[in-house]
Amino acid sequence: MPSRPLPAAPDYSSSASRASGPTSAARSAAAAGVALALDRVFVRLGGSRAALCDASLEIRPGEQVAVIGPSGAGKTTLLSVLGAALAPSDGRVRIDGTDPWQLGSRGLRRLRTRLFLAPQTPPLAPRQRVVTAVLAGRLPTWSLLQAVASLVRPGDAALAADALARFSLADKLWSRVDRLSGGERQRVSLARGWVSSAGGFLIDEPLSALDPTLAGMTLQALRRTSAERGATLVCSLHQVELALAHFPRVIGLRDGSVMFDRDVKSVTPDDIARLYFNRDAAAPDVTDEVADGSPVQAGGPSRCF
């Protein structure tokens, strides 16, 4: 049976601007920034190496923070812990002052609606329309009836159009997801975050499929969108130069440990070199022992392995 053709794309250029005023204001008021904190957190996912090791940090509501570090440093794990998607093996997590893992299932679900965790590869159903994929960001606040109705006829296409326009995707509103490039899918995921009621955006490698010019524009849109609603933004990046150019605070992560956490103006070339080169390259051979008597390298955390 031939597939049903997609409906023609209505013109939302004016209705989106009319709808975005009070809608955006109401959403911003409901999405005050989330406070995030880790206290000596460990995460062990199997094997002897900790994915996160003795990690401590505090992020104030509305802050915008970049997380950088080599592949395998633990950036994705860090975002998952901050987003209450992964429980720590040890240590404490605080989201708006609350330990999410001390809540019941209902309280945890309610807390998670305050957070938008965007993985590097967005989980978008390939045959759905972009408008539906974007409006899925509203699912935590919808009833079952609203969610089912939106699959048949999107109830707020103007809102989705406004969100897509922020990420230079206004012409993709009625496209199918499987007809998008990888970079377009990443930006659809960011638009989904904008329509949500979240007060904390935890974004994992949003630029991996974008060219340098579009990457810079996307970061600007992401930061501007977060600032407009006072939301907290934590973004992991491989592009060090973009992290230093766009974010006021930078966290350097290596081997699951926070190597530095400071104002971007205080990050030095030596910090970057130590972060990405072998951590023991300039250190003495052995200066300490862990509890079981095995040696550790100077300069490295002693509780990680």
C-alpha atoms as a PDB file:
ATOM      1  CA  MET A   1       0.000   0.000   0.000  1.00  0.00           C
ATOM      2  CA  PRO A   2       1.498   3.407  -0.896  1.00  0.00           C
ATOM      3  CA  SER A   3       2.294   5.616   2.052  1.00  0.00           C
ATOM      4  CA  ARG A   4      -0.078   8.470   2.762  1.00  0.00           C
ATOM      5  CA  PRO A   5       1.372  11.785   1.570  1.00  0.00           C
ATOM      6  CA  LEU A   6       2.245  14.304   4.229  1.00  0.00           C
ATOM      7  CA  PRO A   7      -0.138  17.259   4.534  1.00  0.00           C
ATOM      8  CA  ALA A   8       0.871  20.525   3.003  1.00  0.00           C
ATOM      9  CA  ALA A   9       2.811  22.765   5.322  1.00  0.00           C
ATOM     10  CA  PRO A  10       0.641  25.619   6.594  1.00  0.00           C
ATOM     11  CA  ASP A  11       2.152  29.094   6.837  1.00  0.00           C
ATOM     12  CA  TYR A  12       3.011  29.709  10.496  1.00  0.00           C
ATOM     13  CA  SER A  13       5.270  32.694   9.937  1.00  0.00           C
ATOM     14  CA  SER A  14       2.831  35.122  11.552  1.00  0.00           C
ATOM     15  CA  SER A  15       0.996  32.817  13.929  1.00  0.00           C
ATOM     16  CA  ALA A  16       4.285  31.619  15.410  1.00  0.00           C
ATOM     17  CA  SER A  17       5.299  35.145  16.311  1.00  0.00           C
ATOM     18  CA  ARG A  18       1.888  35.846  17.826  1.00  0.00           C
ATOM     19  CA  ALA A  19       1.837  32.609  19.793  1.00  0.00           C
ATOM     20  CA  SER A  20       5.408  32.786  21.010  1.00  0.00           C
ATOM     21  CA  GLY A  21       4.895  35.930  23.118  1.00  0.00           C
ATOM     22  CA  PRO A  22       2.692  34.847  26.047  1.00  0.00           C
ATOM     23  CA  THR A  23       3.526  31.167  25.512  1.00  0.00           C
ATOM     24  CA  SER A  24       7.250  31.841  25.858  1.00  0.00           C
ATOM     25  CA  ALA A  25       6.724  34.072  28.866  1.00  0.00           C
ATOM     26  CA  ALA A  26       4.609  31.494  30.654  1.00  0.00           C
ATOM     27  CA  ARG A  27       7.059  28.738  29.853  1.00  0.00           C
ATOM     28  CA  SER A  28      10.020  30.828  31.035  1.00  0.00           C
ATOM     29  CA  ALA A  29       8.297  31.576  34.326  1.00  0.00           C
ATOM     30  CA  ALA A  30       7.708  27.862  34.867  1.00  0.00           C
ATOM     31  CA  ALA A  31      11.265  26.925  33.926  1.00  0.00           C
ATOM     32  CA  ALA A  32      13.455  28.691  36.471  1.00  0.00           C
ATOM     33  CA  GLY A  33      17.003  27.390  36.390  1.00  0.00           C
ATOM     34  CA  VAL A  34      17.857  24.164  38.187  1.00  0.00           C
ATOM     35  CA  ALA A  35      20.641  23.924  40.790  1.00  0.00           C
ATOM     36  CA  LEU A  36      22.917  20.911  40.310  1.00  0.00           C
ATOM     37  CA  ALA A  37      25.539  19.485  42.657  1.00  0.00           C
ATOM     38  CA  LEU A  38      27.717  16.393  43.004  1.00  0.00           C
ATOM     39  CA  ASP A  39      29.556  15.492  46.187  1.00  0.00           C
ATOM     40  CA  ARG A  40      32.387  12.938  45.756  1.00  0.00           C
ATOM     41  CA  VAL A  41      30.437  10.920  43.204  1.00  0.00           C
ATOM     42  CA  PHE A  42      31.688   7.629  41.811  1.00  0.00           C
ATOM     43  CA  VAL A  43      30.095   5.681  38.973  1.00  0.00           C
ATOM     44  CA  ARG A  44      31.310   2.181  38.165  1.00  0.00           C
ATOM     45  CA  LEU A  45      29.851   0.631  35.046  1.00  0.00           C
ATOM     46  CA  GLY A  46      31.853  -2.594  35.130  1.00  0.00           C
ATOM     47  CA  GLY A  47      35.547  -3.349  35.178  1.00  0.00           C
ATOM     48  CA  SER A  48      38.085  -1.760  37.472  1.00  0.00           C
ATOM     49  CA  ARG A  49      38.018   1.777  36.095  1.00  0.00           C
ATOM     50  CA  ALA A  50      35.439   4.243  37.413  1.00  0.00           C
ATOM     51  CA  ALA A  51      33.481   6.136  34.759  1.00  0.00           C
ATOM     52  CA  LEU A  52      33.235   8.982  37.285  1.00  0.00           C
ATOM     53  CA  CYS A  53      35.765   9.234  40.086  1.00  0.00           C
ATOM     54  CA  ASP A  54      35.405  11.381  43.197  1.00  0.00           C
ATOM     55  CA  ALA A  55      33.619  14.073  41.176  1.00  0.00           C
ATOM     56  CA  SER A  56      32.418  17.146  43.040  1.00  0.00           C
ATOM     57  CA  LEU A  57      30.922  20.301  41.539  1.00  0.00           C
ATOM     58  CA  GLU A  58      28.167  22.855  42.012  1.00  0.00           C
ATOM     59  CA  ILE A  59      26.249  24.583  39.243  1.00  0.00           C
ATOM     60  CA  ARG A  60      23.987  27.463  40.175  1.00  0.00           C
ATOM     61  CA  PRO A  61      20.539  28.040  38.630  1.00  0.00           C
ATOM     62  CA  GLY A  62      20.867  29.715  35.241  1.00  0.00           C
ATOM     63  CA  GLU A  63      24.592  29.057  34.823  1.00  0.00           C
ATOM     64  CA  GLN A  64      25.984  28.053  31.440  1.00  0.00           C
ATOM     65  CA  VAL A  65      28.822  25.544  31.641  1.00  0.00           C
ATOM     66  CA  ALA A  66      30.866  23.646  29.054  1.00  0.00           C
ATOM     67  CA  VAL A  67      32.368  20.240  29.874  1.00  0.00           C
ATOM     68  CA  ILE A  68      35.432  19.278  27.855  1.00  0.00           C
ATOM     69  CA  GLY A  69      37.862  16.370  27.890  1.00  0.00           C
ATOM     70  CA  PRO A  70      39.199  13.546  25.735  1.00  0.00           C
ATOM     71  CA  SER A  71      37.058  10.675  24.488  1.00  0.00           C
ATOM     72  CA  GLY A  72      36.214   8.326  27.349  1.00  0.00           C
ATOM     73  CA  ALA A  73      36.704  11.026  29.977  1.00  0.00           C
ATOM     74  CA  GLY A  74      33.228  10.460  31.442  1.00  0.00           C
ATOM     75  CA  LYS A  75      31.370  13.445  29.958  1.00  0.00           C
ATOM     76  CA  THR A  76      28.286  11.452  28.951  1.00  0.00           C
ATOM     77  CA  THR A  77      28.223   9.712  32.333  1.00  0.00           C
ATOM     78  CA  LEU A  78      28.460  13.061  34.107  1.00  0.00           C
ATOM     79  CA  LEU A  79      25.453  14.436  32.214  1.00  0.00           C
ATOM     80  CA  SER A  80      23.463  11.262  32.893  1.00  0.00           C
ATOM     81  CA  VAL A  81      24.116  11.576  36.629  1.00  0.00           C
ATOM     82  CA  LEU A  82      23.234  15.287  36.640  1.00  0.00           C
ATOM     83  CA  GLY A  83      20.056  14.451  34.724  1.00  0.00           C
ATOM     84  CA  ALA A  84      18.932  11.809  37.254  1.00  0.00           C
ATOM     85  CA  ALA A  85      19.135   9.165  34.528  1.00  0.00           C
ATOM     86  CA  LEU A  86      21.977   7.233  36.197  1.00  0.00           C
ATOM     87  CA  ALA A  87      22.406   6.592  39.909  1.00  0.00           C
ATOM     88  CA  PRO A  88      25.897   6.991  41.392  1.00  0.00           C
ATOM     89  CA  SER A  89      27.732   4.016  42.860  1.00  0.00           C
ATOM     90  CA  ASP A  90      28.888   6.238  45.717  1.00  0.00           C
ATOM     91  CA  GLY A  91      28.588   9.879  46.715  1.00  0.00           C
ATOM     92  CA  ARG A  92      25.613  12.221  46.649  1.00  0.00           C
ATOM     93  CA  VAL A  93      23.680  14.029  43.936  1.00  0.00           C
ATOM     94  CA  ARG A  94      21.609  17.150  44.563  1.00  0.00           C
ATOM     95  CA  ILE A  95      19.083  18.579  42.102  1.00  0.00           C
ATOM     96  CA  ASP A  96      17.467  21.726  43.478  1.00  0.00           C
ATOM     97  CA  GLY A  97      18.722  20.588  46.858  1.00  0.00           C
ATOM     98  CA  THR A  98      17.070  17.171  46.636  1.00  0.00           C
ATOM     99  CA  ASP A  99      18.714  13.763  46.309  1.00  0.00           C
ATOM    100  CA  PRO A 100      16.744  12.243  43.405  1.00  0.00           C
ATOM    101  CA  TRP A 101      17.538   8.706  44.512  1.00  0.00           C
ATOM    102  CA  GLN A 102      15.850   9.268  47.869  1.00  0.00           C
ATOM    103  CA  LEU A 103      12.544  10.052  46.144  1.00  0.00           C
ATOM    104  CA  GLY A 104       9.837   7.584  45.273  1.00  0.00           C
ATOM    105  CA  SER A 105       9.096   6.770  41.635  1.00  0.00           C
ATOM    106  CA  ARG A 106       6.472   9.505  41.355  1.00  0.00           C
ATOM    107  CA  GLY A 107       8.748  12.131  42.865  1.00  0.00           C
ATOM    108  CA  LEU A 108      11.593  11.087  40.582  1.00  0.00           C
ATOM    109  CA  ARG A 109       9.386  11.386  37.501  1.00  0.00           C
ATOM    110  CA  ARG A 110       8.269  14.837  38.619  1.00  0.00           C
ATOM    111  CA  LEU A 111      11.851  15.934  39.169  1.00  0.00           C
ATOM    112  CA  ARG A 112      12.913  14.661  35.752  1.00  0.00           C
ATOM    113  CA  THR A 113      10.374  16.950  34.078  1.00  0.00           C
ATOM    114  CA  ARG A 114      12.616  19.806  35.268  1.00  0.00           C
ATOM    115  CA  LEU A 115      15.500  18.429  33.210  1.00  0.00           C
ATOM    116  CA  PHE A 116      16.075  17.920  29.503  1.00  0.00           C
ATOM    117  CA  LEU A 117      18.816  15.404  28.758  1.00  0.00           C
ATOM    118  CA  ALA A 118      19.779  15.375  25.070  1.00  0.00           C
ATOM    119  CA  PRO A 119      22.045  12.488  23.969  1.00  0.00           C
ATOM    120  CA  GLN A 120      24.502  12.870  21.120  1.00  0.00           C
ATOM    121  CA  THR A 121      22.304  10.664  18.916  1.00  0.00           C
ATOM    122  CA  PRO A 122      18.716  11.857  19.438  1.00  0.00           C
ATOM    123  CA  PRO A 123      16.124   9.085  19.916  1.00  0.00           C
ATOM    124  CA  LEU A 124      13.779  10.275  17.158  1.00  0.00           C
ATOM    125  CA  ALA A 125      11.338   7.866  15.515  1.00  0.00           C
ATOM    126  CA  PRO A 126      12.335   7.858  11.840  1.00  0.00           C
ATOM    127  CA  ARG A 127       8.864   7.912  10.249  1.00  0.00           C
ATOM    128  CA  GLN A 128       7.383  10.685  12.360  1.00  0.00           C
ATOM    129  CA  ARG A 129       7.103  14.259  11.208  1.00  0.00           C
ATOM    130  CA  VAL A 130       9.466  16.851  12.593  1.00  0.00           C
ATOM    131  CA  VAL A 131       6.587  18.819  14.112  1.00  0.00           C
ATOM    132  CA  THR A 132       5.597  15.734  16.120  1.00  0.00           C
ATOM    133  CA  ALA A 133       9.190  15.067  17.180  1.00  0.00           C
ATOM    134  CA  VAL A 134       9.571  18.621  18.460  1.00  0.00           C
ATOM    135  CA  LEU A 135       6.261  18.709  20.313  1.00  0.00           C
ATOM    136  CA  ALA A 136       7.243  15.486  22.092  1.00  0.00           C
ATOM    137  CA  GLY A 137       9.152  17.817  24.388  1.00  0.00           C
ATOM    138  CA  ARG A 138       5.755  18.643  25.917  1.00  0.00           C
ATOM    139  CA  LEU A 139       4.902  15.003  26.695  1.00  0.00           C
ATOM    140  CA  PRO A 140       5.763  15.182  30.430  1.00  0.00           C
ATOM    141  CA  THR A 141       3.095  17.872  30.870  1.00  0.00           C
ATOM    142  CA  TRP A 142       0.425  16.301  28.650  1.00  0.00           C
ATOM    143  CA  SER A 143      -2.342  13.866  29.476  1.00  0.00           C
ATOM    144  CA  LEU A 144      -2.490  10.582  27.577  1.00  0.00           C
ATOM    145  CA  LEU A 145      -5.351  11.959  25.484  1.00  0.00           C
ATOM    146  CA  GLN A 146      -3.329  15.032  24.506  1.00  0.00           C
ATOM    147  CA  ALA A 147      -0.339  12.897  23.562  1.00  0.00           C
ATOM    148  CA  VAL A 148      -2.410  10.580  21.341  1.00  0.00           C
ATOM    149  CA  ALA A 149      -4.232  13.503  19.738  1.00  0.00           C
ATOM    150  CA  SER A 150      -0.941  15.196  18.891  1.00  0.00           C
ATOM    151  CA  LEU A 151       0.153  12.122  16.925  1.00  0.00           C
ATOM    152  CA  VAL A 152      -2.905  12.519  14.701  1.00  0.00           C
ATOM    153  CA  ARG A 153      -2.974  16.303  14.460  1.00  0.00           C
ATOM    154  CA  PRO A 154      -0.235  18.369  16.150  1.00  0.00           C
ATOM    155  CA  GLY A 155      -1.959  20.743  18.520  1.00  0.00           C
ATOM    156  CA  ASP A 156       0.586  23.554  18.618  1.00  0.00           C
ATOM    157  CA  ALA A 157       2.445  23.574  15.325  1.00  0.00           C
ATOM    158  CA  ALA A 158       3.141  27.286  15.725  1.00  0.00           C
ATOM    159  CA  LEU A 159       5.155  26.565  18.862  1.00  0.00           C
ATOM    160  CA  ALA A 160       7.172  23.881  17.044  1.00  0.00           C
ATOM    161  CA  ALA A 161       7.754  26.256  14.114  1.00  0.00           C
ATOM    162  CA  ASP A 162       9.081  28.930  16.469  1.00  0.00           C
ATOM    163  CA  ALA A 163      11.433  26.440  18.117  1.00  0.00           C
ATOM    164  CA  LEU A 164      12.746  25.155  14.788  1.00  0.00           C
ATOM    165  CA  ALA A 165      13.327  28.685  13.512  1.00  0.00           C
ATOM    166  CA  ARG A 166      15.679  29.301  16.425  1.00  0.00           C
ATOM    167  CA  PHE A 167      17.921  26.528  15.109  1.00  0.00           C
ATOM    168  CA  SER A 168      17.631  27.438  11.411  1.00  0.00           C
ATOM    169  CA  LEU A 169      15.201  24.617  10.620  1.00  0.00           C
ATOM    170  CA  ALA A 170      11.977  26.522   9.937  1.00  0.00           C
ATOM    171  CA  ASP A 171      11.554  24.828   6.556  1.00  0.00           C
ATOM    172  CA  LYS A 172      11.629  21.327   8.081  1.00  0.00           C
ATOM    173  CA  LEU A 173       8.435  21.566  10.146  1.00  0.00           C
ATOM    174  CA  TRP A 174       6.464  19.049   8.069  1.00  0.00           C
ATOM    175  CA  SER A 175       9.395  16.913   6.900  1.00  0.00           C
ATOM    176  CA  ARG A 176       9.851  13.335   8.020  1.00  0.00           C
ATOM    177  CA  VAL A 177      12.668  12.637  10.459  1.00  0.00           C
ATOM    178  CA  ASP A 178      14.222   9.935   8.280  1.00  0.00           C
ATOM    179  CA  ARG A 179      14.747  12.536   5.553  1.00  0.00           C
ATOM    180  CA  LEU A 180      16.930  14.727   7.761  1.00  0.00           C
ATOM    181  CA  SER A 181      20.701  14.794   7.965  1.00  0.00           C
ATOM    182  CA  GLY A 182      22.460  13.892  11.204  1.00  0.00           C
ATOM    183  CA  GLY A 183      23.072  17.546  12.005  1.00  0.00           C
ATOM    184  CA  GLU A 184      19.432  18.416  11.367  1.00  0.00           C
ATOM    185  CA  ARG A 185      18.329  15.671  13.730  1.00  0.00           C
ATOM    186  CA  GLN A 186      20.609  17.047  16.440  1.00  0.00           C
ATOM    187  CA  ARG A 187      19.036  20.484  16.032  1.00  0.00           C
ATOM    188  CA  VAL A 188      15.518  19.017  16.082  1.00  0.00           C
ATOM    189  CA  SER A 189      16.428  17.544  19.466  1.00  0.00           C
ATOM    190  CA  LEU A 190      17.478  20.998  20.691  1.00  0.00           C
ATOM    191  CA  ALA A 191      14.188  22.469  19.437  1.00  0.00           C
ATOM    192  CA  ARG A 192      12.385  19.738  21.386  1.00  0.00           C
ATOM    193  CA  GLY A 193      14.169  20.930  24.513  1.00  0.00           C
ATOM    194  CA  TRP A 194      13.039  24.494  23.915  1.00  0.00           C
ATOM    195  CA  VAL A 195       9.331  23.570  23.871  1.00  0.00           C
ATOM    196  CA  SER A 196       9.701  21.521  27.064  1.00  0.00           C
ATOM    197  CA  SER A 197       9.075  22.894  30.546  1.00  0.00           C
ATOM    198  CA  ALA A 198      12.627  22.027  31.666  1.00  0.00           C
ATOM    199  CA  GLY A 199      14.714  24.398  33.739  1.00  0.00           C
ATOM    200  CA  GLY A 200      17.927  22.483  33.096  1.00  0.00           C
ATOM    201  CA  PHE A 201      19.393  21.532  29.722  1.00  0.00           C
ATOM    202  CA  LEU A 202      22.027  18.758  29.741  1.00  0.00           C
ATOM    203  CA  ILE A 203      23.283  18.529  26.171  1.00  0.00           C
ATOM    204  CA  ASP A 204      25.759  15.869  25.050  1.00  0.00           C
ATOM    205  CA  GLU A 205      27.943  16.703  22.023  1.00  0.00           C
ATOM    206  CA  PRO A 206      25.342  18.666  20.030  1.00  0.00           C
ATOM    207  CA  LEU A 207      27.801  19.715  17.310  1.00  0.00           C
ATOM    208  CA  SER A 208      29.326  16.415  16.194  1.00  0.00           C
ATOM    209  CA  ALA A 209      27.494  16.420  12.833  1.00  0.00           C
ATOM    210  CA  LEU A 210      27.698  20.175  12.125  1.00  0.00           C
ATOM    211  CA  ASP A 211      30.160  22.205  10.081  1.00  0.00           C
ATOM    212  CA  PRO A 212      32.114  24.920  11.978  1.00  0.00           C
ATOM    213  CA  THR A 213      29.888  27.828  10.919  1.00  0.00           C
ATOM    214  CA  LEU A 214      26.644  26.056  11.770  1.00  0.00           C
ATOM    215  CA  ALA A 215      28.179  24.762  15.012  1.00  0.00           C
ATOM    216  CA  GLY A 216      28.871  28.304  16.191  1.00  0.00           C
ATOM    217  CA  MET A 217      25.375  29.475  15.233  1.00  0.00           C
ATOM    218  CA  THR A 218      23.811  26.517  17.042  1.00  0.00           C
ATOM    219  CA  LEU A 219      25.744  27.230  20.251  1.00  0.00           C
ATOM    220  CA  GLN A 220      24.678  30.868  20.111  1.00  0.00           C
ATOM    221  CA  ALA A 221      21.037  29.844  19.695  1.00  0.00           C
ATOM    222  CA  LEU A 222      21.298  27.303  22.515  1.00  0.00           C
ATOM    223  CA  ARG A 223      22.850  29.812  24.910  1.00  0.00           C
ATOM    224  CA  ARG A 224      20.392  32.549  23.957  1.00  0.00           C
ATOM    225  CA  THR A 225      17.415  30.231  24.387  1.00  0.00           C
ATOM    226  CA  SER A 226      18.648  29.100  27.806  1.00  0.00           C
ATOM    227  CA  ALA A 227      19.292  32.666  28.944  1.00  0.00           C
ATOM    228  CA  GLU A 228      15.831  33.853  27.873  1.00  0.00           C
ATOM    229  CA  ARG A 229      14.130  31.396  30.208  1.00  0.00           C
ATOM    230  CA  GLY A 230      16.775  31.485  32.956  1.00  0.00           C
ATOM    231  CA  ALA A 231      17.500  27.789  32.437  1.00  0.00           C
ATOM    232  CA  THR A 232      20.698  26.059  33.529  1.00  0.00           C
ATOM    233  CA  LEU A 233      22.801  24.810  30.610  1.00  0.00           C
ATOM    234  CA  VAL A 234      25.500  22.130  30.827  1.00  0.00           C
ATOM    235  CA  CYS A 235      26.944  21.161  27.451  1.00  0.00           C
ATOM    236  CA  SER A 236      29.674  18.615  26.717  1.00  0.00           C
ATOM    237  CA  LEU A 237      31.872  19.470  23.731  1.00  0.00           C
ATOM    238  CA  HIS A 238      34.793  18.027  21.834  1.00  0.00           C
ATOM    239  CA  GLN A 239      35.451  21.399  20.185  1.00  0.00           C
ATOM    240  CA  VAL A 240      37.677  23.095  22.771  1.00  0.00           C
ATOM    241  CA  GLU A 241      37.898  26.365  20.841  1.00  0.00           C
ATOM    242  CA  LEU A 242      34.093  26.678  20.746  1.00  0.00           C
ATOM    243  CA  ALA A 243      33.793  25.884  24.464  1.00  0.00           C
ATOM    244  CA  LEU A 244      36.310  28.620  25.293  1.00  0.00           C
ATOM    245  CA  ALA A 245      34.676  31.100  22.914  1.00  0.00           C
ATOM    246  CA  HIS A 246      31.043  30.628  23.977  1.00  0.00           C
ATOM    247  CA  PHE A 247      30.890  29.591  27.646  1.00  0.00           C
ATOM    248  CA  PRO A 248      31.748  31.623  30.756  1.00  0.00           C
ATOM    249  CA  ARG A 249      32.677  28.525  32.802  1.00  0.00           C
ATOM    250  CA  VAL A 250      34.549  25.411  31.716  1.00  0.00           C
ATOM    251  CA  ILE A 251      34.949  22.043  33.461  1.00  0.00           C
ATOM    252  CA  GLY A 252      37.828  19.827  32.342  1.00  0.00           C
ATOM    253  CA  LEU A 253      37.149  16.112  32.806  1.00  0.00           C
ATOM    254  CA  ARG A 254      39.679  13.300  32.380  1.00  0.00           C
ATOM    255  CA  ASP A 255      39.570   9.673  33.494  1.00  0.00           C
ATOM    256  CA  GLY A 256      36.285  10.435  35.227  1.00  0.00           C
ATOM    257  CA  SER A 257      37.842  13.122  37.425  1.00  0.00           C
ATOM    258  CA  VAL A 258      37.325  16.879  37.449  1.00  0.00           C
ATOM    259  CA  MET A 259      40.784  18.197  36.561  1.00  0.00           C
ATOM    260  CA  PHE A 260      39.784  21.858  36.597  1.00  0.00           C
ATOM    261  CA  ASP A 261      36.604  23.893  37.041  1.00  0.00           C
ATOM    262  CA  ARG A 262      36.965  27.621  36.515  1.00  0.00           C
ATOM    263  CA  ASP A 263      36.013  30.814  34.780  1.00  0.00           C
ATOM    264  CA  VAL A 264      36.918  30.608  31.104  1.00  0.00           C
ATOM    265  CA  LYS A 265      39.279  33.587  31.443  1.00  0.00           C
ATOM    266  CA  SER A 266      41.353  31.571  33.911  1.00  0.00           C
ATOM    267  CA  VAL A 267      41.765  28.510  31.669  1.00  0.00           C
ATOM    268  CA  THR A 268      45.341  28.421  30.363  1.00  0.00           C
ATOM    269  CA  PRO A 269      46.998  26.579  27.451  1.00  0.00           C
ATOM    270  CA  ASP A 270      48.791  24.477  30.067  1.00  0.00           C
ATOM    271  CA  ASP A 271      45.410  23.402  31.469  1.00  0.00           C
ATOM    272  CA  ILE A 272      44.306  22.239  28.029  1.00  0.00           C
ATOM    273  CA  ALA A 273      47.610  20.467  27.359  1.00  0.00           C
ATOM    274  CA  ARG A 274      47.469  18.588  30.678  1.00  0.00           C
ATOM    275  CA  LEU A 275      43.843  17.661  30.031  1.00  0.00           C
ATOM    276  CA  TYR A 276      44.433  16.098  26.622  1.00  0.00           C
ATOM    277  CA  PHE A 277      47.973  14.699  27.001  1.00  0.00           C
ATOM    278  CA  ASN A 278      48.907  11.705  29.111  1.00  0.00           C
ATOM    279  CA  ARG A 279      48.222  12.783  32.686  1.00  0.00           C
ATOM    280  CA  ASP A 280      51.550  11.417  33.958  1.00  0.00           C
ATOM    281  CA  ALA A 281      53.719  12.841  31.188  1.00  0.00           C
ATOM    282  CA  ALA A 282      55.314  15.489  33.407  1.00  0.00           C
ATOM    283  CA  ALA A 283      54.931  13.744  36.772  1.00  0.00           C
ATOM    284  CA  PRO A 284      57.397  11.680  38.819  1.00  0.00           C
ATOM    285  CA  ASP A 285      57.022   7.944  38.468  1.00  0.00           C
ATOM    286  CA  VAL A 286      55.529   6.974  41.834  1.00  0.00           C
ATOM    287  CA  THR A 287      54.957   9.095  44.917  1.00  0.00           C
ATOM    288  CA  ASP A 288      52.193   7.390  46.864  1.00  0.00           C
ATOM    289  CA  GLU A 289      50.374   4.136  47.506  1.00  0.00           C
ATOM    290  CA  VAL A 290      46.706   3.337  47.774  1.00  0.00           C
ATOM    291  CA  ALA A 291      45.246   1.394  50.674  1.00  0.00           C
ATOM    292  CA  ASP A 292      46.054  -2.025  49.228  1.00  0.00           C
ATOM    293  CA  GLY A 293      49.708  -1.090  48.714  1.00  0.00           C
ATOM    294  CA  SER A 294      49.585  -0.737  44.920  1.00  0.00           C
ATOM    295  CA  PRO A 295      51.327   2.355  43.527  1.00  0.00           C
ATOM    296  CA  VAL A 296      49.622   5.329  41.930  1.00  0.00           C
ATOM    297  CA  GLN A 297      51.117   7.919  39.632  1.00  0.00           C
ATOM    298  CA  ALA A 298      51.767  11.391  40.978  1.00  0.00           C
ATOM    299  CA  GLY A 299      49.156  13.931  39.996  1.00  0.00           C
ATOM    300  CA  GLY A 300      46.436  11.311  39.497  1.00  0.00           C
ATOM    301  CA  PRO A 301      43.448  10.686  41.765  1.00  0.00           C
ATOM    302  CA  SER A 302      44.193   7.852  44.206  1.00  0.00           C
ATOM    303  CA  ARG A 303      40.648   6.507  44.643  1.00  0.00           C
ATOM    304  CA  CYS A 304      39.739   5.905  41.016  1.00  0.00           C
ATOM    305  CA  PHE A 305      41.024   2.452  40.232  1.00  0.00           C
END
